[in-house]
Amino acid sequence: MFNSGITFAYPLVLWLLLFVPVFIFLYYKKFKNVEPSIVYSNVKLFNERKRSWKEKFSDTPIYLRMLVFAVLIIALARPQSFSSGENVYTEGIDVVLVLDISGSMLAEDFRPNRMEAAKKITQEFISGRTSDQIGLVIFSRDAFTQCPLTIDYSVLKNLLQEVKSGMIEDGTAIGNAIANGVNRLKDSKAKSKVMILLTDGVSNAGEVDPLTAADIAKNFGIRVYTIGIGTVGQAPYPFQTPFGIRYQMVPVEIDEAVLRSIAQTTDSKYFRATGNKKLEEIYQAIDKLEKTKFEVTSYKNKKELYFPWLWSGLFLLLLEVSLSKTIFRKLP
């Protein structure tokens, strides 16, 4: 962070600038009322005569004198430039978001459904980060990386928005999902490596056992926060029929025991989201737990700026004296 500005050591001196227009006014008042040196009975001859360039610019010395006065006043007020800022030393956190996109995520116990609610609140979570690398893994029957670790949050959000059910064969492979997340994080140099896994079901597919995957994550120093999403009991699920969409209540089955064990194994926490508001609170809680730590060193520098004004004033003064004694010299 950086900011700068110009101030004056003696700002009251600047009030003297008000005398500049006063001097100019008095000069013109005196100039207009001055009596001619020679009196003529007829000035017609002078009306027909064209003014020379010296006459046109005869007031140049007085303008230069006023400019010298103004510039030296500014120099006397002693302008200064201050720059200040903060050196921020971040302790990076790499986060992989692991999102279940199986068919059951279309259940509408969340509004508009589990998947869209999870995507919306995940978007808000991403927006709340500043300097952390974040990646996205999606899974159902298998898992794949939708977005590798990045700090380009706009790209990440766009890829998250494209996620929909049916991108992968249906199923719930929690072990494969964690293993994929581990692959994203295992080579990370970040001080803290985190995975946030959200699912609404029971692991029923995949080649890797969820608890084995949790042990692997632990060995790489990765914490896995687990979130079970779904109401208690039954939830309305939309079925496509020849007569349009029909809703049927289906049981909510979340393997909380496994999700809790995954969190405990990786020294993390398990959360249960039963509604939109609760899911939002869970992401906020994780956001607070995994905020980037930083150390701030403040600094402030001062730079004197009156030298250019002083030298400019002296140069203009020399120019004014030279012109007054040569080109624009007036005879008494």
C-alpha atoms as a PDB file:
ATOM      1  CA  MET A   1       0.000   0.000   0.000  1.00  0.00           C
ATOM      2  CA  PHE A   2       1.348   3.429  -0.917  1.00  0.00           C
ATOM      3  CA  ASN A   3       0.216   7.034  -0.643  1.00  0.00           C
ATOM      4  CA  SER A   4       1.901  10.355  -1.164  1.00  0.00           C
ATOM      5  CA  GLY A   5       1.100  14.067  -0.998  1.00  0.00           C
ATOM      6  CA  ILE A   6       2.567  17.569  -0.964  1.00  0.00           C
ATOM      7  CA  THR A   7       2.402  19.733   2.145  1.00  0.00           C
ATOM      8  CA  PHE A   8       4.037  22.966   3.281  1.00  0.00           C
ATOM      9  CA  ALA A   9       6.235  23.408   6.334  1.00  0.00           C
ATOM     10  CA  TYR A  10       5.023  27.019   6.727  1.00  0.00           C
ATOM     11  CA  PRO A  11       1.583  27.159   5.073  1.00  0.00           C
ATOM     12  CA  LEU A  12       0.719  30.578   6.562  1.00  0.00           C
ATOM     13  CA  VAL A  13       3.349  32.163   4.317  1.00  0.00           C
ATOM     14  CA  LEU A  14       1.136  31.344   1.338  1.00  0.00           C
ATOM     15  CA  TRP A  15      -1.249  34.089   2.438  1.00  0.00           C
ATOM     16  CA  LEU A  16       1.311  36.545   1.031  1.00  0.00           C
ATOM     17  CA  LEU A  17       0.242  35.419  -2.453  1.00  0.00           C
ATOM     18  CA  LEU A  18      -2.855  37.585  -1.991  1.00  0.00           C
ATOM     19  CA  PHE A  19      -0.620  40.630  -2.427  1.00  0.00           C
ATOM     20  CA  VAL A  20       0.174  39.661  -6.026  1.00  0.00           C
ATOM     21  CA  PRO A  21      -3.214  40.679  -7.511  1.00  0.00           C
ATOM     22  CA  VAL A  22      -3.197  43.758  -5.247  1.00  0.00           C
ATOM     23  CA  PHE A  23       0.170  44.881  -6.639  1.00  0.00           C
ATOM     24  CA  ILE A  24      -1.019  44.319 -10.203  1.00  0.00           C
ATOM     25  CA  PHE A  25      -4.158  46.364  -9.534  1.00  0.00           C
ATOM     26  CA  LEU A  26      -2.174  49.221  -8.022  1.00  0.00           C
ATOM     27  CA  TYR A  27       0.288  49.152 -10.910  1.00  0.00           C
ATOM     28  CA  TYR A  28      -2.445  49.511 -13.520  1.00  0.00           C
ATOM     29  CA  LYS A  29      -4.211  52.176 -11.531  1.00  0.00           C
ATOM     30  CA  LYS A  30      -1.007  54.230 -11.339  1.00  0.00           C
ATOM     31  CA  PHE A  31      -0.130  53.522 -14.976  1.00  0.00           C
ATOM     32  CA  LYS A  32      -3.492  54.724 -16.259  1.00  0.00           C
ATOM     33  CA  ASN A  33      -3.420  57.904 -14.178  1.00  0.00           C
ATOM     34  CA  VAL A  34       0.148  58.876 -15.020  1.00  0.00           C
ATOM     35  CA  GLU A  35       0.555  62.253 -16.714  1.00  0.00           C
ATOM     36  CA  PRO A  36       2.258  62.349 -20.143  1.00  0.00           C
ATOM     37  CA  SER A  37       5.806  63.701 -20.193  1.00  0.00           C
ATOM     38  CA  ILE A  38       5.094  65.951 -23.204  1.00  0.00           C
ATOM     39  CA  VAL A  39       1.834  67.752 -23.915  1.00  0.00           C
ATOM     40  CA  TYR A  40       0.586  67.902 -27.515  1.00  0.00           C
ATOM     41  CA  SER A  41      -2.258  69.974 -28.858  1.00  0.00           C
ATOM     42  CA  ASN A  42      -3.178  67.235 -31.329  1.00  0.00           C
ATOM     43  CA  VAL A  43      -2.660  63.486 -30.846  1.00  0.00           C
ATOM     44  CA  LYS A  44      -3.995  62.442 -34.245  1.00  0.00           C
ATOM     45  CA  LEU A  45      -0.480  61.690 -35.375  1.00  0.00           C
ATOM     46  CA  PHE A  46      -0.047  59.146 -32.583  1.00  0.00           C
ATOM     47  CA  ASN A  47      -3.388  57.435 -33.307  1.00  0.00           C
ATOM     48  CA  GLU A  48      -2.266  56.643 -36.848  1.00  0.00           C
ATOM     49  CA  ARG A  49       1.089  55.285 -35.702  1.00  0.00           C
ATOM     50  CA  LYS A  50       1.383  51.482 -35.156  1.00  0.00           C
ATOM     51  CA  ARG A  51       2.715  50.289 -31.813  1.00  0.00           C
ATOM     52  CA  SER A  52       6.047  48.474 -31.862  1.00  0.00           C
ATOM     53  CA  TRP A  53       6.513  45.065 -30.231  1.00  0.00           C
ATOM     54  CA  LYS A  54       8.469  46.718 -27.438  1.00  0.00           C
ATOM     55  CA  GLU A  55       5.475  48.865 -26.603  1.00  0.00           C
ATOM     56  CA  LYS A  56       3.126  45.885 -26.753  1.00  0.00           C
ATOM     57  CA  PHE A  57       5.278  43.920 -24.306  1.00  0.00           C
ATOM     58  CA  SER A  58       6.411  46.852 -22.186  1.00  0.00           C
ATOM     59  CA  ASP A  59       4.619  45.402 -19.127  1.00  0.00           C
ATOM     60  CA  THR A  60       6.658  42.205 -19.259  1.00  0.00           C
ATOM     61  CA  PRO A  61       9.080  43.242 -16.486  1.00  0.00           C
ATOM     62  CA  ILE A  62       6.257  43.973 -14.036  1.00  0.00           C
ATOM     63  CA  TYR A  63       4.653  40.586 -14.745  1.00  0.00           C
ATOM     64  CA  LEU A  64       7.996  38.880 -14.248  1.00  0.00           C
ATOM     65  CA  ARG A  65       8.455  40.790 -10.988  1.00  0.00           C
ATOM     66  CA  MET A  66       5.080  39.578  -9.711  1.00  0.00           C
ATOM     67  CA  LEU A  67       5.886  36.033 -10.830  1.00  0.00           C
ATOM     68  CA  VAL A  68       9.223  36.186  -8.978  1.00  0.00           C
ATOM     69  CA  PHE A  69       7.365  37.373  -5.893  1.00  0.00           C
ATOM     70  CA  ALA A  70       4.868  34.473  -6.105  1.00  0.00           C
ATOM     71  CA  VAL A  71       7.510  31.804  -6.763  1.00  0.00           C
ATOM     72  CA  LEU A  72       9.720  32.967  -3.891  1.00  0.00           C
ATOM     73  CA  ILE A  73       6.727  32.961  -1.542  1.00  0.00           C
ATOM     74  CA  ILE A  74       6.055  29.320  -2.438  1.00  0.00           C
ATOM     75  CA  ALA A  75       9.724  28.492  -1.875  1.00  0.00           C
ATOM     76  CA  LEU A  76       9.579  30.286   1.487  1.00  0.00           C
ATOM     77  CA  ALA A  77       6.545  28.188   2.483  1.00  0.00           C
ATOM     78  CA  ARG A  78       8.839  25.187   1.984  1.00  0.00           C
ATOM     79  CA  PRO A  79       6.867  22.567   0.026  1.00  0.00           C
ATOM     80  CA  GLN A  80       7.540  18.976   1.029  1.00  0.00           C
ATOM     81  CA  SER A  81       6.570  15.602  -0.355  1.00  0.00           C
ATOM     82  CA  PHE A  82       5.707  12.774   2.000  1.00  0.00           C
ATOM     83  CA  SER A  83       5.500   9.165   0.919  1.00  0.00           C
ATOM     84  CA  SER A  84       4.275   6.491   3.248  1.00  0.00           C
ATOM     85  CA  GLY A  85       3.274   2.892   2.933  1.00  0.00           C
ATOM     86  CA  GLU A  86       3.333  -0.593   4.321  1.00  0.00           C
ATOM     87  CA  ASN A  87       5.418  -3.613   3.475  1.00  0.00           C
ATOM     88  CA  VAL A  88       3.093  -6.596   3.816  1.00  0.00           C
ATOM     89  CA  TYR A  89       4.660 -10.001   4.333  1.00  0.00           C
ATOM     90  CA  THR A  90       2.079 -12.693   3.614  1.00  0.00           C
ATOM     91  CA  GLU A  91       2.071 -16.215   4.909  1.00  0.00           C
ATOM     92  CA  GLY A  92       0.382 -17.817   1.915  1.00  0.00           C
ATOM     93  CA  ILE A  93      -2.516 -20.239   2.165  1.00  0.00           C
ATOM     94  CA  ASP A  94      -3.340 -22.582  -0.706  1.00  0.00           C
ATOM     95  CA  VAL A  95      -6.961 -23.719  -0.791  1.00  0.00           C
ATOM     96  CA  VAL A  96      -8.590 -26.393  -2.934  1.00  0.00           C
ATOM     97  CA  LEU A  97     -12.388 -26.376  -3.051  1.00  0.00           C
ATOM     98  CA  VAL A  98     -13.753 -29.895  -3.585  1.00  0.00           C
ATOM     99  CA  LEU A  99     -17.372 -29.846  -4.766  1.00  0.00           C
ATOM    100  CA  ASP A 100     -19.763 -32.776  -5.127  1.00  0.00           C
ATOM    101  CA  ILE A 101     -21.721 -32.512  -8.413  1.00  0.00           C
ATOM    102  CA  SER A 102     -23.585 -35.821  -8.237  1.00  0.00           C
ATOM    103  CA  GLY A 103     -27.265 -35.954  -9.212  1.00  0.00           C
ATOM    104  CA  SER A 104     -28.431 -35.757  -5.599  1.00  0.00           C
ATOM    105  CA  MET A 105     -27.035 -32.187  -5.435  1.00  0.00           C
ATOM    106  CA  LEU A 106     -30.119 -31.127  -7.432  1.00  0.00           C
ATOM    107  CA  ALA A 107     -32.365 -31.732  -4.404  1.00  0.00           C
ATOM    108  CA  GLU A 108     -34.281 -28.587  -3.519  1.00  0.00           C
ATOM    109  CA  ASP A 109     -34.074 -28.503   0.255  1.00  0.00           C
ATOM    110  CA  PHE A 110     -31.759 -25.538  -0.488  1.00  0.00           C
ATOM    111  CA  ARG A 111     -32.779 -22.659  -2.743  1.00  0.00           C
ATOM    112  CA  PRO A 112     -32.789 -23.034  -5.680  1.00  0.00           C
ATOM    113  CA  ASN A 113     -31.058 -26.374  -5.081  1.00  0.00           C
ATOM    114  CA  ARG A 114     -28.022 -27.702  -3.222  1.00  0.00           C
ATOM    115  CA  MET A 115     -25.607 -27.268  -6.104  1.00  0.00           C
ATOM    116  CA  GLU A 116     -26.550 -23.690  -6.990  1.00  0.00           C
ATOM    117  CA  ALA A 117     -26.573 -22.698  -3.321  1.00  0.00           C
ATOM    118  CA  ALA A 118     -23.117 -24.211  -2.854  1.00  0.00           C
ATOM    119  CA  LYS A 119     -21.797 -22.449  -5.971  1.00  0.00           C
ATOM    120  CA  LYS A 120     -23.177 -19.086  -4.872  1.00  0.00           C
ATOM    121  CA  ILE A 121     -21.730 -19.253  -1.365  1.00  0.00           C
ATOM    122  CA  THR A 122     -18.429 -20.605  -2.706  1.00  0.00           C
ATOM    123  CA  GLN A 123     -18.266 -17.583  -5.009  1.00  0.00           C
ATOM    124  CA  GLU A 124     -18.656 -15.328  -1.966  1.00  0.00           C
ATOM    125  CA  PHE A 125     -15.921 -17.240  -0.158  1.00  0.00           C
ATOM    126  CA  ILE A 126     -13.550 -16.710  -3.102  1.00  0.00           C
ATOM    127  CA  SER A 127     -14.377 -12.991  -3.179  1.00  0.00           C
ATOM    128  CA  GLY A 128     -13.378 -12.730   0.475  1.00  0.00           C
ATOM    129  CA  ARG A 129      -9.822 -13.921  -0.175  1.00  0.00           C
ATOM    130  CA  THR A 130      -7.039 -11.567  -1.236  1.00  0.00           C
ATOM    131  CA  SER A 131      -3.649 -13.190  -1.786  1.00  0.00           C
ATOM    132  CA  ASP A 132      -4.293 -16.931  -1.468  1.00  0.00           C
ATOM    133  CA  GLN A 133      -4.061 -19.434  -4.297  1.00  0.00           C
ATOM    134  CA  ILE A 134      -7.358 -21.275  -4.781  1.00  0.00           C
ATOM    135  CA  GLY A 135      -8.157 -24.284  -6.937  1.00  0.00           C
ATOM    136  CA  LEU A 136     -11.349 -26.206  -7.741  1.00  0.00           C
ATOM    137  CA  VAL A 137     -11.919 -29.973  -7.888  1.00  0.00           C
ATOM    138  CA  ILE A 138     -15.319 -31.436  -8.812  1.00  0.00           C
ATOM    139  CA  PHE A 139     -16.415 -35.031  -8.353  1.00  0.00           C
ATOM    140  CA  SER A 140     -19.199 -37.572  -8.606  1.00  0.00           C
ATOM    141  CA  ARG A 141     -18.326 -41.084  -9.933  1.00  0.00           C
ATOM    142  CA  ASP A 142     -14.769 -39.783 -10.399  1.00  0.00           C
ATOM    143  CA  ALA A 143     -12.946 -36.518  -9.761  1.00  0.00           C
ATOM    144  CA  PHE A 144     -11.091 -34.047 -11.916  1.00  0.00           C
ATOM    145  CA  THR A 145      -9.560 -30.598 -11.563  1.00  0.00           C
ATOM    146  CA  GLN A 146     -11.850 -27.882 -12.872  1.00  0.00           C
ATOM    147  CA  CYS A 147      -9.302 -25.151 -12.057  1.00  0.00           C
ATOM    148  CA  PRO A 148      -5.708 -25.522 -10.793  1.00  0.00           C
ATOM    149  CA  LEU A 149      -4.373 -23.303  -8.020  1.00  0.00           C
ATOM    150  CA  THR A 150      -4.587 -19.673  -9.101  1.00  0.00           C
ATOM    151  CA  ILE A 151      -4.841 -16.139  -7.797  1.00  0.00           C
ATOM    152  CA  ASP A 152      -6.877 -15.097 -10.839  1.00  0.00           C
ATOM    153  CA  TYR A 153     -10.194 -15.217  -9.006  1.00  0.00           C
ATOM    154  CA  SER A 154     -12.209 -14.014 -12.000  1.00  0.00           C
ATOM    155  CA  VAL A 155     -11.148 -17.070 -14.019  1.00  0.00           C
ATOM    156  CA  LEU A 156     -11.847 -19.328 -11.049  1.00  0.00           C
ATOM    157  CA  LYS A 157     -15.341 -17.871 -10.613  1.00  0.00           C
ATOM    158  CA  ASN A 158     -16.138 -18.314 -14.289  1.00  0.00           C
ATOM    159  CA  LEU A 159     -15.061 -21.963 -14.191  1.00  0.00           C
ATOM    160  CA  LEU A 160     -17.105 -22.495 -11.037  1.00  0.00           C
ATOM    161  CA  GLN A 161     -20.130 -20.975 -12.737  1.00  0.00           C
ATOM    162  CA  GLU A 162     -19.822 -23.513 -15.574  1.00  0.00           C
ATOM    163  CA  VAL A 163     -20.062 -26.456 -13.166  1.00  0.00           C
ATOM    164  CA  LYS A 164     -23.267 -28.481 -13.462  1.00  0.00           C
ATOM    165  CA  SER A 165     -24.582 -31.913 -12.657  1.00  0.00           C
ATOM    166  CA  GLY A 166     -23.938 -34.523 -15.341  1.00  0.00           C
ATOM    167  CA  MET A 167     -20.423 -33.392 -16.229  1.00  0.00           C
ATOM    168  CA  ILE A 168     -19.189 -36.699 -14.767  1.00  0.00           C
ATOM    169  CA  GLU A 169     -20.900 -40.089 -14.488  1.00  0.00           C
ATOM    170  CA  ASP A 170     -23.113 -40.154 -11.428  1.00  0.00           C
ATOM    171  CA  GLY A 171     -21.843 -41.487  -8.112  1.00  0.00           C
ATOM    172  CA  THR A 172     -19.989 -40.248  -5.033  1.00  0.00           C
ATOM    173  CA  ALA A 173     -16.234 -40.873  -4.971  1.00  0.00           C
ATOM    174  CA  ILE A 174     -15.111 -38.971  -1.882  1.00  0.00           C
ATOM    175  CA  GLY A 175     -11.752 -40.782  -1.701  1.00  0.00           C
ATOM    176  CA  ASN A 176     -10.901 -39.948  -5.320  1.00  0.00           C
ATOM    177  CA  ALA A 177     -11.890 -36.330  -4.706  1.00  0.00           C
ATOM    178  CA  ILE A 178      -9.548 -35.982  -1.731  1.00  0.00           C
ATOM    179  CA  ALA A 179      -6.746 -37.739  -3.643  1.00  0.00           C
ATOM    180  CA  ASN A 180      -7.176 -35.291  -6.532  1.00  0.00           C
ATOM    181  CA  GLY A 181      -7.044 -32.380  -4.103  1.00  0.00           C
ATOM    182  CA  VAL A 182      -3.873 -33.800  -2.554  1.00  0.00           C
ATOM    183  CA  ASN A 183      -2.268 -33.878  -6.000  1.00  0.00           C
ATOM    184  CA  ARG A 184      -3.040 -30.183  -6.344  1.00  0.00           C
ATOM    185  CA  LEU A 185      -1.552 -29.305  -2.941  1.00  0.00           C
ATOM    186  CA  LYS A 186       1.252 -31.769  -2.226  1.00  0.00           C
ATOM    187  CA  ASP A 187       3.938 -29.752  -4.044  1.00  0.00           C
ATOM    188  CA  SER A 188       2.737 -26.422  -2.703  1.00  0.00           C
ATOM    189  CA  LYS A 189       5.287 -24.213  -0.903  1.00  0.00           C
ATOM    190  CA  ALA A 190       2.562 -22.447   1.085  1.00  0.00           C
ATOM    191  CA  LYS A 191       2.805 -22.395   4.873  1.00  0.00           C
ATOM    192  CA  SER A 192      -0.784 -23.622   5.107  1.00  0.00           C
ATOM    193  CA  LYS A 193      -2.548 -26.099   2.788  1.00  0.00           C
ATOM    194  CA  VAL A 194      -6.302 -26.486   3.059  1.00  0.00           C
ATOM    195  CA  MET A 195      -9.022 -28.497   1.369  1.00  0.00           C
ATOM    196  CA  ILE A 196     -12.765 -27.761   1.748  1.00  0.00           C
ATOM    197  CA  LEU A 197     -14.834 -30.790   0.744  1.00  0.00           C
ATOM    198  CA  LEU A 198     -18.594 -30.431   0.294  1.00  0.00           C
ATOM    199  CA  THR A 199     -20.830 -33.441  -0.321  1.00  0.00           C
ATOM    200  CA  ASP A 200     -24.397 -34.592   0.275  1.00  0.00           C
ATOM    201  CA  GLY A 201     -23.971 -38.347   0.109  1.00  0.00           C
ATOM    202  CA  VAL A 202     -22.221 -41.559   1.012  1.00  0.00           C
ATOM    203  CA  SER A 203     -19.024 -42.624  -0.736  1.00  0.00           C
ATOM    204  CA  ASN A 204     -20.100 -45.384  -3.124  1.00  0.00           C
ATOM    205  CA  ALA A 205     -17.567 -45.153  -5.956  1.00  0.00           C
ATOM    206  CA  GLY A 206     -13.925 -44.582  -6.724  1.00  0.00           C
ATOM    207  CA  GLU A 207     -10.706 -46.508  -6.310  1.00  0.00           C
ATOM    208  CA  VAL A 208      -9.470 -44.707  -3.171  1.00  0.00           C
ATOM    209  CA  ASP A 209     -10.985 -45.219   0.261  1.00  0.00           C
ATOM    210  CA  PRO A 210     -11.947 -41.864   1.889  1.00  0.00           C
ATOM    211  CA  LEU A 211     -10.083 -42.582   5.152  1.00  0.00           C
ATOM    212  CA  THR A 212      -6.991 -43.724   3.265  1.00  0.00           C
ATOM    213  CA  ALA A 213      -7.129 -40.495   1.273  1.00  0.00           C
ATOM    214  CA  ALA A 214      -7.396 -38.577   4.558  1.00  0.00           C
ATOM    215  CA  ASP A 215      -4.224 -40.273   5.834  1.00  0.00           C
ATOM    216  CA  ILE A 216      -2.421 -39.278   2.639  1.00  0.00           C
ATOM    217  CA  ALA A 217      -3.589 -35.686   3.074  1.00  0.00           C
ATOM    218  CA  LYS A 218      -2.337 -35.716   6.669  1.00  0.00           C
ATOM    219  CA  ASN A 219       1.099 -36.913   5.541  1.00  0.00           C
ATOM    220  CA  PHE A 220       1.351 -33.881   3.247  1.00  0.00           C
ATOM    221  CA  GLY A 221       0.249 -31.499   5.977  1.00  0.00           C
ATOM    222  CA  ILE A 222      -3.122 -30.792   4.370  1.00  0.00           C
ATOM    223  CA  ARG A 223      -6.150 -29.980   6.504  1.00  0.00           C
ATOM    224  CA  VAL A 224      -9.475 -31.182   5.077  1.00  0.00           C
ATOM    225  CA  TYR A 225     -12.583 -29.323   6.237  1.00  0.00           C
ATOM    226  CA  THR A 226     -15.652 -31.408   5.464  1.00  0.00           C
ATOM    227  CA  ILE A 227     -19.187 -30.142   4.950  1.00  0.00           C
ATOM    228  CA  GLY A 228     -22.273 -32.331   4.794  1.00  0.00           C
ATOM    229  CA  ILE A 229     -25.005 -30.516   2.873  1.00  0.00           C
ATOM    230  CA  GLY A 230     -28.649 -31.521   3.169  1.00  0.00           C
ATOM    231  CA  THR A 231     -31.630 -31.126   5.433  1.00  0.00           C
ATOM    232  CA  VAL A 232     -32.549 -33.653   8.114  1.00  0.00           C
ATOM    233  CA  GLY A 233     -34.917 -36.416   7.032  1.00  0.00           C
ATOM    234  CA  GLN A 234     -36.188 -36.074   3.465  1.00  0.00           C
ATOM    235  CA  ALA A 235     -35.751 -33.535   0.696  1.00  0.00           C
ATOM    236  CA  PRO A 236     -37.765 -32.747  -2.472  1.00  0.00           C
ATOM    237  CA  TYR A 237     -36.044 -34.005  -5.597  1.00  0.00           C
ATOM    238  CA  PRO A 238     -37.127 -33.123  -9.164  1.00  0.00           C
ATOM    239  CA  PHE A 239     -37.754 -36.062 -11.519  1.00  0.00           C
ATOM    240  CA  GLN A 240     -38.258 -35.652 -15.251  1.00  0.00           C
ATOM    241  CA  THR A 241     -41.393 -37.437 -16.439  1.00  0.00           C
ATOM    242  CA  PRO A 242     -43.324 -37.485 -19.752  1.00  0.00           C
ATOM    243  CA  PHE A 243     -45.669 -34.979 -18.104  1.00  0.00           C
ATOM    244  CA  GLY A 244     -42.904 -32.606 -17.003  1.00  0.00           C
ATOM    245  CA  ILE A 245     -40.984 -32.289 -13.756  1.00  0.00           C
ATOM    246  CA  ARG A 246     -42.489 -34.037 -10.762  1.00  0.00           C
ATOM    247  CA  TYR A 247     -41.160 -33.822  -7.222  1.00  0.00           C
ATOM    248  CA  GLN A 248     -40.646 -36.738  -4.915  1.00  0.00           C
ATOM    249  CA  MET A 249     -39.381 -36.777  -1.366  1.00  0.00           C
ATOM    250  CA  VAL A 250     -36.118 -38.712  -1.082  1.00  0.00           C
ATOM    251  CA  PRO A 251     -34.154 -39.600   2.059  1.00  0.00           C
ATOM    252  CA  VAL A 252     -31.116 -37.474   2.927  1.00  0.00           C
ATOM    253  CA  GLU A 253     -28.163 -39.799   3.416  1.00  0.00           C
ATOM    254  CA  ILE A 254     -24.905 -38.199   4.493  1.00  0.00           C
ATOM    255  CA  ASP A 255     -22.092 -40.342   5.845  1.00  0.00           C
ATOM    256  CA  GLU A 256     -21.354 -37.998   8.716  1.00  0.00           C
ATOM    257  CA  ALA A 257     -19.191 -40.550  10.497  1.00  0.00           C
ATOM    258  CA  VAL A 258     -16.749 -40.728   7.577  1.00  0.00           C
ATOM    259  CA  LEU A 259     -16.754 -36.967   7.031  1.00  0.00           C
ATOM    260  CA  ARG A 260     -16.089 -36.392  10.717  1.00  0.00           C
ATOM    261  CA  SER A 261     -13.245 -38.945  10.693  1.00  0.00           C
ATOM    262  CA  ILE A 262     -11.666 -37.257   7.645  1.00  0.00           C
ATOM    263  CA  ALA A 263     -11.716 -33.916   9.454  1.00  0.00           C
ATOM    264  CA  GLN A 264     -10.327 -35.359  12.684  1.00  0.00           C
ATOM    265  CA  THR A 265      -7.562 -37.253  10.876  1.00  0.00           C
ATOM    266  CA  THR A 266      -6.370 -34.065   9.191  1.00  0.00           C
ATOM    267  CA  ASP A 267      -6.685 -31.930  12.343  1.00  0.00           C
ATOM    268  CA  SER A 268      -9.627 -30.061  10.923  1.00  0.00           C
ATOM    269  CA  LYS A 269     -13.404 -29.714  11.473  1.00  0.00           C
ATOM    270  CA  TYR A 270     -16.650 -31.173  10.177  1.00  0.00           C
ATOM    271  CA  PHE A 271     -19.719 -28.998   9.576  1.00  0.00           C
ATOM    272  CA  ARG A 272     -23.339 -29.844   8.786  1.00  0.00           C
ATOM    273  CA  ALA A 273     -25.310 -27.466   6.581  1.00  0.00           C
ATOM    274  CA  THR A 274     -29.081 -27.863   6.727  1.00  0.00           C
ATOM    275  CA  GLY A 275     -30.011 -24.676   4.861  1.00  0.00           C
ATOM    276  CA  ASN A 276     -28.683 -21.770   2.827  1.00  0.00           C
ATOM    277  CA  LYS A 277     -28.038 -19.581   5.855  1.00  0.00           C
ATOM    278  CA  LYS A 278     -26.243 -22.350   7.736  1.00  0.00           C
ATOM    279  CA  LEU A 279     -24.040 -23.112   4.724  1.00  0.00           C
ATOM    280  CA  GLU A 280     -23.132 -19.425   4.457  1.00  0.00           C
ATOM    281  CA  GLU A 281     -22.199 -19.348   8.158  1.00  0.00           C
ATOM    282  CA  ILE A 282     -19.994 -22.433   7.722  1.00  0.00           C
ATOM    283  CA  TYR A 283     -18.004 -20.844   4.898  1.00  0.00           C
ATOM    284  CA  GLN A 284     -17.650 -17.669   6.958  1.00  0.00           C
ATOM    285  CA  ALA A 285     -16.342 -19.718   9.893  1.00  0.00           C
ATOM    286  CA  ILE A 286     -13.778 -21.494   7.680  1.00  0.00           C
ATOM    287  CA  ASP A 287     -12.822 -18.149   6.155  1.00  0.00           C
ATOM    288  CA  LYS A 288     -12.003 -16.801   9.640  1.00  0.00           C
ATOM    289  CA  LEU A 289     -10.105 -19.943  10.628  1.00  0.00           C
ATOM    290  CA  GLU A 290      -7.968 -19.835   7.489  1.00  0.00           C
ATOM    291  CA  LYS A 291      -7.258 -16.136   7.049  1.00  0.00           C
ATOM    292  CA  THR A 292      -3.863 -15.232   5.626  1.00  0.00           C
ATOM    293  CA  LYS A 293      -1.491 -14.056   8.342  1.00  0.00           C
ATOM    294  CA  PHE A 294       0.587 -11.003   7.564  1.00  0.00           C
ATOM    295  CA  GLU A 295       3.145  -8.720   9.118  1.00  0.00           C
ATOM    296  CA  VAL A 296       3.095  -5.003   8.384  1.00  0.00           C
ATOM    297  CA  THR A 297       6.086  -2.675   8.432  1.00  0.00           C
ATOM    298  CA  SER A 298       5.168   1.007   8.110  1.00  0.00           C
ATOM    299  CA  TYR A 299       7.464   3.621   6.654  1.00  0.00           C
ATOM    300  CA  LYS A 300       7.371   7.353   5.905  1.00  0.00           C
ATOM    301  CA  ASN A 301       9.794   9.396   3.804  1.00  0.00           C
ATOM    302  CA  LYS A 302      10.082  13.181   3.466  1.00  0.00           C
ATOM    303  CA  LYS A 303      11.480  15.028   0.476  1.00  0.00           C
ATOM    304  CA  GLU A 304      12.129  18.797   0.321  1.00  0.00           C
ATOM    305  CA  LEU A 305      10.716  20.424  -2.829  1.00  0.00           C
ATOM    306  CA  TYR A 306      11.537  24.105  -2.323  1.00  0.00           C
ATOM    307  CA  PHE A 307      14.872  24.045  -4.216  1.00  0.00           C
ATOM    308  CA  PRO A 308      13.313  24.080  -7.728  1.00  0.00           C
ATOM    309  CA  TRP A 309      11.048  26.964  -6.686  1.00  0.00           C
ATOM    310  CA  LEU A 310      13.973  28.900  -5.221  1.00  0.00           C
ATOM    311  CA  TRP A 311      16.160  28.483  -8.309  1.00  0.00           C
ATOM    312  CA  SER A 312      13.237  29.322 -10.591  1.00  0.00           C
ATOM    313  CA  GLY A 313      12.605  32.493  -8.612  1.00  0.00           C
ATOM    314  CA  LEU A 314      16.251  33.577  -8.815  1.00  0.00           C
ATOM    315  CA  PHE A 315      16.354  32.866 -12.552  1.00  0.00           C
ATOM    316  CA  LEU A 316      13.181  34.895 -13.168  1.00  0.00           C
ATOM    317  CA  LEU A 317      14.542  37.729 -11.027  1.00  0.00           C
ATOM    318  CA  LEU A 318      17.760  37.807 -13.087  1.00  0.00           C
ATOM    319  CA  LEU A 319      15.694  37.755 -16.291  1.00  0.00           C
ATOM    320  CA  GLU A 320      13.488  40.627 -15.082  1.00  0.00           C
ATOM    321  CA  VAL A 321      16.466  42.805 -14.132  1.00  0.00           C
ATOM    322  CA  SER A 322      18.169  42.087 -17.460  1.00  0.00           C
ATOM    323  CA  LEU A 323      15.103  42.996 -19.518  1.00  0.00           C
ATOM    324  CA  SER A 324      14.417  46.121 -17.448  1.00  0.00           C
ATOM    325  CA  LYS A 325      17.972  47.408 -17.979  1.00  0.00           C
ATOM    326  CA  THR A 326      18.199  46.569 -21.685  1.00  0.00           C
ATOM    327  CA  ILE A 327      15.255  45.912 -24.035  1.00  0.00           C
ATOM    328  CA  PHE A 328      12.514  47.443 -21.873  1.00  0.00           C
ATOM    329  CA  ARG A 329      14.606  50.205 -20.343  1.00  0.00           C
ATOM    330  CA  LYS A 330      12.632  53.402 -19.743  1.00  0.00           C
ATOM    331  CA  LEU A 331      14.142  56.840 -19.963  1.00  0.00           C
ATOM    332  CA  PRO A 332      13.232  59.306 -17.214  1.00  0.00           C
END
